[in-house]
Amino acid sequence: MASDGTHSWTAQSDRPNPLNATRLSSAAALRVLDQRVFEAARFILPDPPTSPSTEVGLDTATLLGRMLKIASAGSSRSIPWLILTAVTGRFPSVDDVRAVQRTIQLEPLDAVETALLGRAVRFASESRIDLPMRVVTTPLVDVDTSGRLDYQSGIHRVVRETVSRWAGAHEIELGIWDDTYRIFRSAAPREVARVVRFGATVTSDEVDPGYEPELLVPWNTVVVLPDVPIGMPTEALAGIAHCSGNRLSAVGYDLIPITSVETRPIHDAMAAGEWLVPLKAADRIAGISTSATAEFSGFAQMLEAQGLTGPLVREVRLPASTAPTWLGVRNRARRDKPRIVFSGTREPHKNHRALLFAAERLWTEGLSFEVRMVGGNGWTDEHVRETIERLTADGRSLVDLGRVSEEVLWSELADADAVAFVSLHEGYGLPLVEALAVGTPVLTTSYGSQAEIAADGGCITVDPRDDLSIVQGLRQLVTDADFRDALVREARDRPDTTWDYYAAELWDFLVAPLLEEASHETS
């Protein structure tokens, strides 16, 4: 056996876990292993068995060796990738696949088979050897965060608006990462409801404790990443991108944690860097704005220095947000005391501190207006918490609503005389288009994606790094009712795009052509 690690698969020295070894040796675990091996054999063997054996352990004993023999006869990475997934209950890393490819060329196949089974035992705590698996050939869509959480941010709105439409028009599979973040599992009914019917009442069937998860393994299809998972499945996704034979595509929101790292916690930069690892081998990335597309195009171009082609990056711009039908048309009466909403999650790059300074400056001058803050805390609100408390204690016209429901959010935007959102860096800026959708004027940033949105009307732009620029813009909104009325008319005349159009355009770029390529290769 080589000592340089070039083919050390059959000589692992990791200490085994007796608890997991006992679990694997049970009849129940062996039956699940049989199921996964049989499922993989259906797609690897040219003459797979038509039905699983009733004898525990027989499918593993007879089919695993046959699949390894096929893997040893070719150079394809996808067959070892699927074998490893079936045996270990996790997506293998690129190094895992490379190691088994080398080993099957150098070791007897029965020794490789034994090592595979031993590896499943050793790494059981990082795998799901207890769950059956299903190979899926329809597009597999990652909805991890949107499925797990009731939280609604800009990214989650994009996922839910898009994937719910895909589910109605195409055959897709919704995937949630297992808690190990090493393999997809099927979405529970409640999780499906969070994605395709967000905000609707969840029925008793959708919280059924009888839900039994299964592992989802894509095969000759497209894995789509419109969501950003809670955990970081870096190795698993890189293995899919480089080794599985599947296509990988993603929505590109922004690279703020890297390009504006000074505004984010350092762990965000590390996570964003890890997220780029699988995207190196992605086929396509859809930028949500011209600015976001420029960032991801720059990333793709840099890969040339590594001898990599990089993904095809194209702008598929988010739509102008549509107000919910229940909101109706509201006639905003002129107030003696204008109401200004500061919208957005409270994080340093959203620049709320500069807005509060501008408001305090105008209050000090004697101007009368009300500020209503709408949005929950992000990774930190330390930059604004003390200021909010001080202004409230001083009796300023400041109402802090915090995180609110969808109903309250839309009502606040529709009832406001103006909305202020002057972020230092945005991939898009949904708070802007949501306000404009209800005809509310917006104070926003003069560059990047926010300026792209503002170009269609209804906005006044300022330099978010210049306090006096923000003060002057806010002063004009507060004091000039005729100016606000003109912006309202502009907002109502903005070009109308819809989520229906966006979802269709995104599918046509991220999924349809890659699915056609995959089908041609397998036909």
Protein backbone atom coordinates (compact mmCIF):
# COMPACT_ATOMS: atom_id res chain seq x y z
CA MET A 1 0.00 0.00 0.00
CA ALA A 2 1.35 3.41 -0.93
CA SER A 3 2.39 5.65 1.93
CA ASP A 4 1.79 8.93 0.11
CA GLY A 5 -2.01 8.74 0.36
CA THR A 6 -2.57 8.21 -3.35
CA HIS A 7 -4.76 5.15 -2.80
CA SER A 8 -5.32 4.68 0.91
CA TRP A 9 -8.98 3.74 0.75
CA THR A 10 -8.47 0.19 2.02
CA ALA A 11 -6.16 1.27 4.83
CA GLN A 12 -8.21 3.74 6.84
CA SER A 13 -6.96 4.06 10.41
CA ASP A 14 -9.85 6.07 11.79
CA ARG A 15 -11.15 4.74 15.09
CA PRO A 16 -14.45 2.93 14.48
CA ASN A 17 -17.59 3.97 16.31
CA PRO A 18 -18.96 0.88 18.10
CA LEU A 19 -22.47 2.34 18.40
CA ASN A 20 -22.77 2.98 14.68
CA ALA A 21 -21.15 -0.34 13.86
CA THR A 22 -23.84 -2.05 15.93
CA ARG A 23 -26.49 -0.07 14.09
CA LEU A 24 -25.10 -1.11 10.72
CA SER A 25 -24.95 -4.78 11.70
CA SER A 26 -28.60 -4.91 12.67
CA ALA A 27 -31.02 -6.57 10.30
CA ALA A 28 -32.94 -3.32 9.87
CA ALA A 29 -29.84 -1.37 8.84
CA LEU A 30 -28.77 -4.13 6.46
CA ARG A 31 -32.19 -4.05 4.82
CA VAL A 32 -31.83 -0.30 4.29
CA LEU A 33 -28.35 -0.83 2.85
CA ASP A 34 -29.75 -3.46 0.53
CA GLN A 35 -32.37 -0.99 -0.62
CA ARG A 36 -29.83 1.71 -1.42
CA VAL A 37 -27.50 -0.70 -3.24
CA PHE A 38 -30.41 -2.11 -5.25
CA GLU A 39 -31.56 1.41 -6.13
CA ALA A 40 -28.08 2.32 -7.37
CA ALA A 41 -27.82 -0.93 -9.36
CA ARG A 42 -30.98 -0.01 -11.26
CA PHE A 43 -29.07 2.87 -12.85
CA ILE A 44 -25.56 1.40 -13.09
CA LEU A 45 -25.94 -2.21 -14.19
CA PRO A 46 -26.86 -2.90 -17.81
CA ASP A 47 -29.01 -5.84 -16.65
CA PRO A 48 -30.22 -4.91 -13.16
CA PRO A 49 -32.50 -7.22 -11.21
CA THR A 50 -36.16 -6.40 -11.56
CA SER A 51 -37.03 -6.82 -7.90
CA PRO A 52 -35.09 -6.75 -4.63
CA SER A 53 -34.18 -9.91 -2.81
CA THR A 54 -36.11 -10.90 0.29
CA GLU A 55 -32.95 -12.29 1.90
CA VAL A 56 -31.26 -9.69 4.10
CA GLY A 57 -27.81 -8.76 2.82
CA LEU A 58 -28.07 -10.63 -0.47
CA ASP A 59 -28.51 -7.57 -2.74
CA THR A 60 -25.48 -5.91 -1.18
CA ALA A 61 -23.41 -9.10 -1.50
CA THR A 62 -24.30 -9.72 -5.15
CA LEU A 63 -24.75 -6.24 -6.63
CA LEU A 64 -22.00 -4.15 -5.04
CA GLY A 65 -19.18 -6.15 -6.58
CA ARG A 66 -20.79 -6.04 -10.03
CA MET A 67 -21.09 -2.28 -9.84
CA LEU A 68 -17.47 -1.91 -8.73
CA LYS A 69 -16.38 -4.02 -11.69
CA ILE A 70 -18.15 -1.64 -14.06
CA ALA A 71 -16.58 1.32 -12.27
CA SER A 72 -13.10 -0.24 -12.66
CA ALA A 73 -13.57 -0.70 -16.41
CA GLY A 74 -14.18 2.99 -17.18
CA SER A 75 -13.01 6.47 -16.34
CA SER A 76 -16.39 7.95 -15.45
CA ARG A 77 -16.60 9.53 -12.01
CA SER A 78 -20.37 9.33 -11.83
CA ILE A 79 -20.55 5.57 -11.21
CA PRO A 80 -18.13 5.60 -8.24
CA TRP A 81 -19.98 8.68 -6.99
CA LEU A 82 -23.32 6.87 -7.00
CA ILE A 83 -21.84 3.70 -5.47
CA LEU A 84 -20.29 5.71 -2.64
CA THR A 85 -23.54 7.58 -2.04
CA ALA A 86 -25.51 4.34 -1.82
CA VAL A 87 -23.11 2.60 0.54
CA THR A 88 -22.27 5.48 2.86
CA GLY A 89 -25.58 7.39 2.92
CA ARG A 90 -23.86 10.67 2.04
CA PHE A 91 -22.67 12.49 -1.05
CA PRO A 92 -18.95 11.82 -1.42
CA SER A 93 -16.39 14.57 -1.76
CA VAL A 94 -14.21 14.96 -4.83
CA ASP A 95 -11.31 13.41 -2.89
CA ASP A 96 -13.51 10.45 -1.89
CA VAL A 97 -14.37 9.72 -5.52
CA ARG A 98 -10.79 10.18 -6.68
CA ALA A 99 -9.53 7.83 -3.94
CA VAL A 100 -11.95 5.02 -4.80
CA GLN A 101 -11.18 5.40 -8.52
CA ARG A 102 -7.49 4.93 -7.79
CA THR A 103 -8.07 2.08 -5.38
CA ILE A 104 -10.18 -0.01 -7.76
CA GLN A 105 -7.29 0.16 -10.23
CA LEU A 106 -4.79 -1.06 -7.66
CA GLU A 107 -6.58 -3.36 -5.23
CA PRO A 108 -8.68 -6.51 -5.60
CA LEU A 109 -12.32 -5.58 -5.91
CA ASP A 110 -13.34 -7.71 -2.94
CA ALA A 111 -10.94 -5.70 -0.78
CA VAL A 112 -12.45 -2.46 -2.12
CA GLU A 113 -15.93 -3.76 -1.35
CA THR A 114 -14.93 -4.59 2.23
CA ALA A 115 -13.32 -1.18 2.64
CA LEU A 116 -16.46 0.55 1.37
CA LEU A 117 -18.64 -1.20 3.92
CA GLY A 118 -16.14 -0.50 6.68
CA ARG A 119 -16.06 3.17 5.74
CA ALA A 120 -19.85 3.34 6.01
CA VAL A 121 -19.53 2.12 9.60
CA ARG A 122 -16.69 4.45 10.55
CA PHE A 123 -18.40 7.56 9.27
CA ALA A 124 -21.95 6.65 10.25
CA SER A 125 -22.22 9.65 12.58
CA GLU A 126 -21.69 11.94 9.58
CA SER A 127 -24.02 9.99 7.28
CA ARG A 128 -27.55 8.65 7.02
CA ILE A 129 -26.98 4.91 6.73
CA ASP A 130 -30.35 4.45 8.44
CA LEU A 131 -32.38 5.93 5.56
CA PRO A 132 -33.45 4.48 2.21
CA MET A 133 -32.66 6.43 -0.93
CA ARG A 134 -34.42 7.31 -4.13
CA VAL A 135 -32.59 8.20 -7.33
CA VAL A 136 -34.32 11.13 -9.02
CA THR A 137 -34.00 12.02 -12.68
CA THR A 138 -36.17 15.13 -12.58
CA PRO A 139 -34.62 18.50 -11.58
CA LEU A 140 -33.75 18.58 -7.88
CA VAL A 141 -34.28 22.01 -6.33
CA ASP A 142 -32.54 22.98 -3.09
CA VAL A 143 -35.08 24.73 -0.83
CA ASP A 144 -33.30 24.12 2.46
CA THR A 145 -33.74 27.41 4.31
CA SER A 146 -37.11 28.34 2.81
CA GLY A 147 -38.45 24.90 3.67
CA ARG A 148 -37.11 24.78 7.21
CA LEU A 149 -37.99 28.30 8.38
CA ASP A 150 -41.05 30.56 8.42
CA TYR A 151 -38.68 33.53 8.10
CA GLN A 152 -39.18 35.65 4.98
CA SER A 153 -36.29 37.71 3.63
CA GLY A 154 -35.52 38.78 0.07
CA ILE A 155 -33.89 35.47 -0.84
CA HIS A 156 -36.72 33.42 0.63
CA ARG A 157 -39.29 35.49 -1.24
CA VAL A 158 -37.46 34.77 -4.50
CA VAL A 159 -37.32 31.04 -3.71
CA ARG A 160 -40.99 30.79 -2.79
CA GLU A 161 -42.32 32.92 -5.62
CA THR A 162 -40.19 31.03 -8.15
CA VAL A 163 -40.30 27.42 -6.97
CA SER A 164 -44.05 27.50 -6.32
CA ARG A 165 -44.52 28.38 -9.99
CA TRP A 166 -42.05 25.73 -11.13
CA ALA A 167 -43.90 23.13 -9.09
CA GLY A 168 -47.13 24.02 -10.87
CA ALA A 169 -45.63 23.90 -14.36
CA HIS A 170 -42.90 21.24 -14.27
CA GLU A 171 -42.00 17.98 -12.64
CA ILE A 172 -39.44 18.81 -9.96
CA GLU A 173 -38.22 17.40 -6.66
CA LEU A 174 -37.79 19.62 -3.60
CA GLY A 175 -34.68 18.79 -1.59
CA ILE A 176 -33.79 19.67 1.99
CA TRP A 177 -30.31 19.03 3.29
CA ASP A 178 -30.11 16.47 6.05
CA ASP A 179 -28.89 17.85 9.38
CA THR A 180 -25.38 16.57 8.56
CA TYR A 181 -25.45 18.76 5.42
CA ARG A 182 -23.94 15.91 3.44
CA ILE A 183 -26.96 14.67 1.47
CA PHE A 184 -30.44 15.76 0.38
CA ARG A 185 -33.52 14.31 2.00
CA SER A 186 -37.12 14.53 0.87
CA ALA A 187 -39.02 17.57 2.10
CA ALA A 188 -41.63 16.98 4.80
CA PRO A 189 -45.21 18.06 3.97
CA ARG A 190 -44.90 21.11 6.23
CA GLU A 191 -41.65 22.08 4.46
CA VAL A 192 -43.25 21.72 1.05
CA ALA A 193 -46.09 23.96 2.20
CA ARG A 194 -43.63 26.62 3.40
CA VAL A 195 -42.18 26.78 -0.11
CA VAL A 196 -45.16 26.44 -2.43
CA ARG A 197 -47.90 27.96 -0.22
CA PHE A 198 -46.07 30.31 2.13
CA GLY A 199 -48.39 32.06 4.56
CA ALA A 200 -51.28 29.67 3.91
CA THR A 201 -52.82 27.61 6.68
CA VAL A 202 -50.96 24.34 7.26
CA THR A 203 -53.36 21.42 7.51
CA SER A 204 -53.09 18.54 9.96
CA ASP A 205 -51.87 16.31 7.12
CA GLU A 206 -48.90 18.61 6.69
CA VAL A 207 -47.68 18.09 10.25
CA ASP A 208 -48.20 14.32 10.13
CA PRO A 209 -45.68 12.69 12.51
CA GLY A 210 -45.77 9.65 10.21
CA TYR A 211 -43.59 11.43 7.64
CA GLU A 212 -40.67 9.15 6.76
CA PRO A 213 -37.74 10.84 5.01
CA GLU A 214 -35.74 9.28 2.22
CA LEU A 215 -32.46 10.33 0.71
CA LEU A 216 -32.71 12.03 -2.68
CA VAL A 217 -29.90 11.30 -5.13
CA PRO A 218 -29.89 13.16 -8.47
CA TRP A 219 -28.86 11.23 -11.58
CA ASN A 220 -28.31 12.68 -15.06
CA THR A 221 -30.38 15.71 -14.19
CA VAL A 222 -30.05 19.29 -12.98
CA VAL A 223 -29.45 20.33 -9.37
CA VAL A 224 -30.73 23.88 -8.93
CA LEU A 225 -29.64 26.17 -6.10
CA PRO A 226 -32.09 29.06 -5.73
CA ASP A 227 -31.78 29.00 -1.93
CA VAL A 228 -28.84 29.53 0.42
CA PRO A 229 -28.77 26.59 2.86
CA ILE A 230 -28.56 27.08 6.62
CA GLY A 231 -25.50 24.83 6.85
CA MET A 232 -22.64 24.65 4.41
CA PRO A 233 -22.67 21.49 2.24
CA THR A 234 -19.46 22.53 0.49
CA GLU A 235 -17.89 19.11 -0.02
CA ALA A 236 -21.18 17.47 -0.97
CA LEU A 237 -22.01 20.12 -3.57
CA ALA A 238 -18.48 20.13 -4.95
CA GLY A 239 -18.72 16.35 -5.32
CA ILE A 240 -22.01 16.73 -7.19
CA ALA A 241 -20.60 19.44 -9.44
CA HIS A 242 -17.33 17.68 -10.29
CA CYS A 243 -18.14 13.98 -10.11
CA SER A 244 -21.83 13.07 -10.30
CA GLY A 245 -22.52 13.77 -13.97
CA ASN A 246 -25.38 16.07 -12.95
CA ARG A 247 -25.58 19.69 -14.00
CA LEU A 248 -25.42 22.38 -11.34
CA SER A 249 -27.02 25.81 -11.64
CA ALA A 250 -27.63 28.60 -9.16
CA VAL A 251 -29.22 31.98 -8.59
CA GLY A 252 -26.51 34.58 -7.94
CA TYR A 253 -27.75 37.04 -5.32
CA ASP A 254 -24.60 38.93 -4.37
CA LEU A 255 -21.02 38.57 -3.15
CA ILE A 256 -21.38 41.18 -0.41
CA PRO A 257 -19.62 39.08 2.27
CA ILE A 258 -16.52 39.05 0.05
CA THR A 259 -16.58 42.34 -1.85
CA SER A 260 -17.92 44.36 1.11
CA VAL A 261 -16.43 42.20 3.83
CA GLU A 262 -16.06 45.20 6.16
CA THR A 263 -19.85 45.31 6.58
CA ARG A 264 -20.34 41.64 7.45
CA PRO A 265 -19.16 39.28 10.23
CA ILE A 266 -16.01 37.42 9.25
CA HIS A 267 -17.75 34.05 9.31
CA ASP A 268 -20.00 35.31 6.48
CA ALA A 269 -16.93 35.87 4.32
CA MET A 270 -15.72 32.36 5.11
CA ALA A 271 -19.13 30.88 4.28
CA ALA A 272 -19.36 32.84 1.03
CA GLY A 273 -15.89 31.63 0.08
CA GLU A 274 -16.97 28.06 0.69
CA TRP A 275 -20.14 28.63 -1.35
CA LEU A 276 -17.98 29.55 -4.34
CA VAL A 277 -16.19 26.18 -4.25
CA PRO A 278 -19.00 24.18 -5.90
CA LEU A 279 -19.90 27.16 -8.10
CA LYS A 280 -16.51 26.80 -9.79
CA ALA A 281 -17.93 23.72 -11.51
CA ALA A 282 -21.47 25.03 -11.91
CA ASP A 283 -22.85 25.20 -15.42
CA ARG A 284 -24.89 28.38 -15.07
CA ILE A 285 -25.47 31.25 -12.65
CA ALA A 286 -28.37 33.70 -13.03
CA GLY A 287 -27.56 37.11 -11.56
CA ILE A 288 -30.56 38.88 -10.05
CA SER A 289 -29.45 42.31 -11.30
CA THR A 290 -26.84 43.88 -13.55
CA SER A 291 -24.69 44.55 -10.48
CA ALA A 292 -24.93 40.99 -9.17
CA THR A 293 -24.25 39.63 -12.64
CA ALA A 294 -21.09 41.74 -12.83
CA GLU A 295 -19.86 40.28 -9.54
CA PHE A 296 -20.43 36.67 -10.56
CA SER A 297 -19.06 37.28 -14.05
CA GLY A 298 -15.88 38.57 -12.44
CA PHE A 299 -15.70 35.42 -10.34
CA ALA A 300 -16.14 33.24 -13.43
CA GLN A 301 -13.45 35.15 -15.33
CA MET A 302 -10.96 34.74 -12.48
CA LEU A 303 -11.27 30.96 -12.80
CA GLU A 304 -9.30 31.12 -16.04
CA ALA A 305 -6.19 31.55 -13.89
CA GLN A 306 -6.89 28.05 -12.51
CA GLY A 307 -7.40 26.50 -15.93
CA LEU A 308 -11.17 26.32 -15.36
CA THR A 309 -13.86 27.41 -17.78
CA GLY A 310 -16.23 28.63 -15.09
CA PRO A 311 -20.02 28.92 -15.26
CA LEU A 312 -22.01 30.81 -17.85
CA VAL A 313 -23.31 33.91 -16.04
CA ARG A 314 -26.29 35.84 -17.32
CA GLU A 315 -28.63 38.43 -15.85
CA VAL A 316 -32.15 37.27 -15.13
CA ARG A 317 -33.40 40.37 -13.38
CA LEU A 318 -35.89 40.07 -10.56
CA PRO A 319 -39.34 41.42 -11.37
CA ALA A 320 -41.02 44.52 -10.12
CA SER A 321 -42.76 43.22 -7.03
CA THR A 322 -46.54 42.85 -7.19
CA ALA A 323 -48.67 43.90 -4.27
CA PRO A 324 -50.98 41.22 -2.87
CA THR A 325 -54.54 41.33 -4.17
CA TRP A 326 -56.03 41.64 -0.69
CA LEU A 327 -54.30 44.99 -0.21
CA GLY A 328 -56.50 46.73 -2.75
CA VAL A 329 -56.03 50.30 -3.93
CA ARG A 330 -55.31 52.80 -1.19
CA ASN A 331 -55.72 56.52 -1.62
CA ARG A 332 -52.97 58.15 0.40
CA ALA A 333 -54.30 61.38 1.89
CA ARG A 334 -51.88 64.24 2.49
CA ARG A 335 -50.83 64.46 6.11
CA ASP A 336 -49.63 67.47 8.05
CA LYS A 337 -47.03 65.12 9.49
CA PRO A 338 -45.53 62.96 6.69
CA ARG A 339 -44.88 59.31 7.49
CA ILE A 340 -41.55 57.85 6.36
CA VAL A 341 -40.83 54.13 6.60
CA PHE A 342 -37.26 52.94 7.08
CA SER A 343 -37.40 49.43 5.63
CA GLY A 344 -34.99 46.49 5.66
CA THR A 345 -33.19 44.08 7.96
CA ARG A 346 -30.98 45.85 10.49
CA GLU A 347 -27.40 45.16 9.57
CA PRO A 348 -24.48 47.59 9.11
CA HIS A 349 -24.51 47.54 5.30
CA LYS A 350 -28.21 48.50 5.25
CA ASN A 351 -27.08 51.91 6.57
CA HIS A 352 -29.91 52.58 9.03
CA ARG A 353 -27.55 54.59 11.22
CA ALA A 354 -27.10 57.18 8.47
CA LEU A 355 -30.88 57.41 8.00
CA LEU A 356 -31.42 57.93 11.73
CA PHE A 357 -28.79 60.68 11.73
CA ALA A 358 -30.59 62.41 8.86
CA ALA A 359 -33.92 62.16 10.64
CA GLU A 360 -32.46 63.52 13.87
CA ARG A 361 -30.84 66.40 12.00
CA LEU A 362 -34.19 67.37 10.44
CA TRP A 363 -36.05 66.99 13.74
CA THR A 364 -33.46 69.29 15.31
CA GLU A 365 -34.22 71.84 12.59
CA GLY A 366 -37.88 71.75 13.68
CA LEU A 367 -39.34 69.68 10.83
CA SER A 368 -42.37 67.58 11.74
CA PHE A 369 -42.56 64.01 10.38
CA GLU A 370 -42.87 60.46 11.66
CA VAL A 371 -40.38 57.63 11.11
CA ARG A 372 -41.57 54.04 11.30
CA MET A 373 -38.88 51.35 11.27
CA VAL A 374 -39.92 48.04 9.70
CA GLY A 375 -37.56 45.07 9.70
CA GLY A 376 -36.00 42.58 12.04
CA ASN A 377 -32.46 42.29 13.33
CA GLY A 378 -29.83 40.69 11.14
CA TRP A 379 -26.48 39.50 12.43
CA THR A 380 -26.17 42.59 14.63
CA ASP A 381 -28.15 45.74 15.42
CA GLU A 382 -25.58 47.26 17.79
CA HIS A 383 -24.93 50.07 15.33
CA VAL A 384 -28.51 51.39 15.71
CA ARG A 385 -29.94 50.01 18.96
CA GLU A 386 -28.59 52.75 21.23
CA THR A 387 -29.65 55.48 18.81
CA ILE A 388 -33.19 54.12 18.57
CA GLU A 389 -33.46 53.93 22.35
CA ARG A 390 -32.13 57.48 22.77
CA LEU A 391 -34.40 59.01 20.15
CA THR A 392 -37.41 57.21 21.61
CA ALA A 393 -36.53 58.40 25.11
CA ASP A 394 -36.22 61.97 23.78
CA GLY A 395 -39.80 61.79 22.51
CA ARG A 396 -38.97 61.87 18.81
CA SER A 397 -41.62 60.67 16.37
CA LEU A 398 -40.00 57.27 15.94
CA VAL A 399 -41.98 54.02 15.98
CA ASP A 400 -39.92 50.83 16.03
CA LEU A 401 -42.08 47.98 14.70
CA GLY A 402 -39.28 45.44 14.31
CA ARG A 403 -40.00 42.29 12.35
CA VAL A 404 -43.59 42.26 11.13
CA SER A 405 -45.94 39.92 9.29
CA GLU A 406 -46.47 40.06 5.54
CA GLU A 407 -49.81 41.79 6.09
CA VAL A 408 -48.34 44.49 8.32
CA LEU A 409 -45.37 45.00 5.98
CA TRP A 410 -47.53 45.68 2.93
CA SER A 411 -49.91 47.90 4.90
CA GLU A 412 -47.01 49.97 6.25
CA LEU A 413 -45.53 50.41 2.78
CA ALA A 414 -48.87 51.35 1.26
CA ASP A 415 -49.75 53.85 4.00
CA ALA A 416 -46.35 55.58 4.04
CA ASP A 417 -45.69 58.89 2.31
CA ALA A 418 -42.23 57.62 1.40
CA VAL A 419 -39.85 54.74 2.08
CA ALA A 420 -36.13 55.17 2.75
CA PHE A 421 -33.67 52.41 1.84
CA VAL A 422 -30.08 53.58 1.25
CA SER A 423 -28.07 50.38 1.53
CA LEU A 424 -24.33 50.52 0.91
CA HIS A 425 -24.40 47.36 -1.20
CA GLU A 426 -27.29 45.24 -2.48
CA GLY A 427 -27.61 42.40 -4.92
CA TYR A 428 -31.03 43.79 -5.82
CA GLY A 429 -33.14 45.63 -3.25
CA LEU A 430 -36.58 44.12 -2.77
CA PRO A 431 -37.66 46.77 -0.21
CA LEU A 432 -37.51 49.29 -3.06
CA VAL A 433 -39.66 47.39 -5.52
CA GLU A 434 -42.14 46.42 -2.81
CA ALA A 435 -42.66 50.09 -1.94
CA LEU A 436 -42.87 51.12 -5.58
CA ALA A 437 -45.40 48.35 -6.23
CA VAL A 438 -47.87 50.18 -4.00
CA GLY A 439 -47.02 53.59 -5.47
CA THR A 440 -44.90 54.80 -2.56
CA PRO A 441 -41.89 57.03 -3.40
CA VAL A 442 -38.46 55.79 -2.34
CA LEU A 443 -35.25 57.43 -1.17
CA THR A 444 -32.44 55.11 -2.25
CA THR A 445 -28.82 54.69 -3.26
CA SER A 446 -27.38 56.34 -6.37
CA TYR A 447 -25.34 53.38 -7.57
CA GLY A 448 -25.48 49.62 -8.09
CA SER A 449 -28.66 47.59 -8.22
CA GLN A 450 -30.65 50.23 -6.34
CA ALA A 451 -29.85 52.80 -9.02
CA GLU A 452 -30.92 50.25 -11.65
CA ILE A 453 -34.33 50.04 -10.00
CA ALA A 454 -34.57 53.80 -9.47
CA ALA A 455 -33.94 54.47 -13.17
CA ASP A 456 -37.53 53.43 -13.97
CA GLY A 457 -38.99 56.20 -11.82
CA GLY A 458 -40.55 56.86 -8.44
CA CYS A 459 -37.25 57.37 -6.60
CA ILE A 460 -34.86 60.03 -5.42
CA THR A 461 -31.26 58.86 -5.18
CA VAL A 462 -28.53 59.92 -2.77
CA ASP A 463 -24.96 59.02 -1.95
CA PRO A 464 -25.34 56.59 0.99
CA ARG A 465 -21.79 57.38 2.17
CA ASP A 466 -22.52 61.12 2.37
CA ASP A 467 -24.62 62.08 5.40
CA LEU A 468 -25.49 65.50 3.98
CA SER A 469 -26.68 63.95 0.72
CA ILE A 470 -29.08 61.74 2.70
CA VAL A 471 -30.22 64.71 4.80
CA GLN A 472 -30.99 66.74 1.67
CA GLY A 473 -32.88 63.88 0.03
CA LEU A 474 -34.93 63.17 3.14
CA ARG A 475 -35.64 66.89 3.60
CA GLN A 476 -37.07 67.12 0.09
CA LEU A 477 -39.36 64.14 0.69
CA VAL A 478 -40.54 65.49 4.05
CA THR A 479 -41.14 69.09 3.00
CA ASP A 480 -42.28 68.94 -0.63
CA ALA A 481 -45.67 67.26 -1.01
CA ASP A 482 -45.88 68.13 -4.70
CA PHE A 483 -42.54 66.42 -5.29
CA ARG A 484 -43.81 63.32 -3.50
CA ASP A 485 -46.96 63.34 -5.64
CA ALA A 486 -44.84 63.47 -8.80
CA LEU A 487 -42.85 60.47 -7.60
CA VAL A 488 -46.08 58.61 -6.86
CA ARG A 489 -47.18 59.12 -10.46
CA GLU A 490 -43.81 57.90 -11.70
CA ALA A 491 -44.04 54.83 -9.47
CA ARG A 492 -47.46 53.93 -10.87
CA ASP A 493 -46.16 54.30 -14.45
CA ARG A 494 -43.17 52.00 -13.96
CA PRO A 495 -42.78 49.05 -16.37
CA ASP A 496 -44.69 46.05 -15.07
CA THR A 497 -42.98 42.68 -14.79
CA THR A 498 -44.27 39.68 -12.89
CA TRP A 499 -43.07 36.70 -10.89
CA ASP A 500 -44.70 34.48 -13.54
CA TYR A 501 -42.41 35.94 -16.18
CA TYR A 502 -39.34 35.78 -13.93
CA ALA A 503 -39.94 32.13 -12.96
CA ALA A 504 -40.35 31.14 -16.61
CA GLU A 505 -37.25 33.05 -17.72
CA LEU A 506 -35.21 31.57 -14.87
CA TRP A 507 -36.32 28.03 -15.77
CA ASP A 508 -35.44 28.63 -19.42
CA PHE A 509 -31.91 29.65 -18.46
CA LEU A 510 -31.04 27.57 -15.39
CA VAL A 511 -32.88 24.30 -16.05
CA ALA A 512 -34.33 23.61 -19.49
CA PRO A 513 -31.14 23.66 -21.62
CA LEU A 514 -29.15 21.68 -19.06
CA LEU A 515 -31.91 19.11 -18.76
CA GLU A 516 -31.91 18.72 -22.52
CA GLU A 517 -28.14 18.22 -22.53
CA ALA A 518 -28.43 15.56 -19.84
CA SER A 519 -31.16 13.71 -21.73
CA HIS A 520 -29.10 13.69 -24.94
CA GLU A 521 -26.13 12.18 -23.11
CA THR A 522 -28.20 9.36 -21.65
CA SER A 523 -30.22 8.57 -24.79
